[in-house]
């Protein structure tokens, strides 16, 4: 009863070709994934966003309250103020302490560009900490 061959022939030579089937499968799967996700990466919404200088936030001990009503009128605290007065107050606060926070209250009807201009003015004055004051959400 023999369990193996007794002749001592040489083993078959190694296969020197690369099996391309798994590589092609992976490539096709990646191609399908890219075809599906590519339209999601491009935004179809075209906006003309306002320009503003960027800055990094920091900690703050004090604050300056600035508000914009629905008509675009500026307020320092509760007093009406012209744009120049607001910018001057922001520069003075930035010169005193760059850690001063700007608490910005803006009406819903105020255009985004107007708010961005005010944020830019605060950042140009050296104030990098800006907080948006909102109404608390109603419980559901």
Protein backbone atom coordinates (compact mmCIF):
# COMPACT_ATOMS: atom_id res chain seq x y z
CA UNK A 1 0.00 0.00 0.00
CA UNK A 2 1.68 3.15 -1.17
CA UNK A 3 0.83 6.59 0.01
CA UNK A 4 3.00 8.60 -2.29
CA UNK A 5 4.91 8.42 -5.46
CA UNK A 6 8.32 6.95 -5.28
CA UNK A 7 9.76 8.52 -8.38
CA UNK A 8 11.90 11.56 -7.67
CA UNK A 9 10.87 13.92 -10.46
CA UNK A 10 11.50 17.63 -10.05
CA UNK A 11 8.66 19.75 -8.60
CA UNK A 12 6.69 21.96 -10.97
CA UNK A 13 8.39 25.32 -11.60
CA UNK A 14 6.99 28.37 -9.73
CA UNK A 15 4.46 30.51 -11.56
CA UNK A 16 6.18 33.70 -12.59
CA UNK A 17 3.04 35.56 -13.65
CA UNK A 18 1.07 37.89 -11.35
CA UNK A 19 -2.59 37.07 -10.94
CA UNK A 20 -4.22 40.27 -12.22
CA UNK A 21 -7.83 39.39 -11.37
CA UNK A 22 -7.78 40.63 -7.72
CA UNK A 23 -5.99 43.84 -8.73
CA UNK A 24 -8.55 44.55 -11.45
CA UNK A 25 -11.40 43.85 -9.02
CA UNK A 26 -10.02 46.32 -6.48
CA UNK A 27 -9.46 48.92 -9.20
CA UNK A 28 -13.04 48.60 -10.45
CA UNK A 29 -14.45 48.87 -6.92
CA UNK A 30 -12.42 52.06 -6.34
CA UNK A 31 -13.57 53.45 -9.67
CA UNK A 32 -17.23 52.89 -8.74
CA UNK A 33 -16.68 54.53 -5.33
CA UNK A 34 -15.07 57.59 -6.94
CA UNK A 35 -17.82 57.84 -9.54
CA UNK A 36 -20.47 57.79 -6.81
CA UNK A 37 -18.74 60.22 -4.42
CA UNK A 38 -17.33 62.76 -6.91
CA UNK A 39 -20.66 64.61 -7.42
CA UNK A 40 -21.06 64.88 -3.64
CA UNK A 41 -17.72 66.65 -3.25
CA UNK A 42 -18.55 69.51 -5.60
CA UNK A 43 -20.99 72.06 -4.24
CA UNK A 44 -23.60 73.25 -6.69
CA UNK A 45 -24.44 76.30 -4.58
CA UNK A 46 -22.62 79.39 -5.88
CA UNK A 47 -22.25 82.19 -3.32
CA UNK A 48 -20.43 85.50 -3.29
CA UNK A 49 -19.20 85.44 0.29
CA UNK A 50 -17.94 88.63 1.96
CA UNK A 51 -14.24 89.04 2.57
CA UNK A 52 -12.86 89.21 6.10
CA UNK A 53 -9.43 88.78 7.66
CA UNK A 54 -9.15 85.57 9.68
CA UNK A 55 -7.82 85.35 13.21
CA UNK A 56 -7.44 82.82 16.01
CA UNK A 57 -9.61 82.90 19.15
CA UNK A 58 -8.20 83.45 22.63
CA UNK A 59 -9.43 83.70 26.24
CA UNK A 60 -11.03 86.94 27.45
CA UNK A 61 -11.90 88.64 30.76
CA UNK A 62 -13.95 91.69 29.54
CA UNK A 63 -16.38 92.46 26.74
CA UNK A 64 -17.76 95.12 24.40
CA UNK A 65 -21.44 94.83 23.43
CA UNK A 66 -22.24 95.68 19.79
CA UNK A 67 -25.67 95.28 18.17
CA UNK A 68 -27.18 95.70 14.70
CA UNK A 69 -30.94 96.18 14.35
CA UNK A 70 -33.09 95.17 11.37
CA UNK A 71 -32.53 98.58 9.73
CA UNK A 72 -28.74 98.19 9.95
CA UNK A 73 -28.31 100.76 12.73
CA UNK A 74 -25.35 100.05 15.04
CA UNK A 75 -25.45 100.19 18.84
CA UNK A 76 -22.67 100.24 21.42
CA UNK A 77 -24.22 98.70 24.47
CA UNK A 78 -27.73 100.21 24.35
CA UNK A 79 -26.75 103.55 22.75
CA UNK A 80 -27.04 104.27 19.01
CA UNK A 81 -23.67 104.81 17.37
CA UNK A 82 -22.28 105.57 13.94
CA UNK A 83 -19.97 103.10 12.20
CA UNK A 84 -16.96 105.30 12.96
CA UNK A 85 -17.79 105.41 16.67
CA UNK A 86 -18.12 101.62 16.80
CA UNK A 87 -14.79 101.14 15.03
CA UNK A 88 -13.11 103.64 17.35
CA UNK A 89 -14.55 101.89 20.43
CA UNK A 90 -13.32 98.55 19.11
CA UNK A 91 -9.82 99.95 18.46
CA UNK A 92 -9.70 101.45 21.98
CA UNK A 93 -10.81 98.16 23.53
CA UNK A 94 -8.22 96.28 21.47
CA UNK A 95 -5.49 98.70 22.54
CA UNK A 96 -6.45 98.36 26.22
CA UNK A 97 -6.68 94.57 26.22
CA UNK A 98 -6.57 92.33 23.12
CA UNK A 99 -8.34 89.64 25.16
CA UNK A 100 -11.56 91.69 25.26
CA UNK A 101 -14.57 89.83 23.88
CA UNK A 102 -16.98 91.39 21.38
CA UNK A 103 -20.55 90.32 22.11
CA UNK A 104 -22.42 90.70 18.85
CA UNK A 105 -26.21 90.84 18.71
CA UNK A 106 -27.66 90.96 15.19
CA UNK A 107 -31.27 90.92 14.08
CA UNK A 108 -32.31 88.01 11.84
CA UNK A 109 -33.07 90.42 9.00
CA UNK A 110 -29.53 91.84 8.91
CA UNK A 111 -27.66 90.65 5.79
CA UNK A 112 -24.75 88.30 6.41
CA UNK A 113 -22.35 90.69 4.66
CA UNK A 114 -23.11 93.47 7.16
CA UNK A 115 -22.36 91.16 10.09
CA UNK A 116 -19.14 90.01 8.41
CA UNK A 117 -18.05 93.65 8.00
CA UNK A 118 -18.53 94.23 11.72
CA UNK A 119 -16.57 91.07 12.54
CA UNK A 120 -13.79 92.21 10.23
CA UNK A 121 -13.70 95.63 11.92
CA UNK A 122 -13.34 93.94 15.31
CA UNK A 123 -10.53 91.72 14.04
CA UNK A 124 -8.77 94.68 12.44
CA UNK A 125 -8.91 96.38 15.86
CA UNK A 126 -7.04 93.42 17.33
CA UNK A 127 -10.06 91.78 18.98
CA UNK A 128 -10.07 88.09 18.11
CA UNK A 129 -12.71 86.85 20.52
CA UNK A 130 -16.24 87.33 19.08
CA UNK A 131 -19.37 85.87 20.64
CA UNK A 132 -22.80 85.77 19.01
CA UNK A 133 -25.65 86.49 21.41
CA UNK A 134 -28.81 84.50 20.61
CA UNK A 135 -32.17 83.78 22.14
CA UNK A 136 -32.45 80.40 23.84
CA UNK A 137 -34.34 77.79 21.83
CA UNK A 138 -37.88 76.98 22.97
CA UNK A 139 -38.21 73.55 24.60
CA UNK A 140 -39.88 70.96 22.42
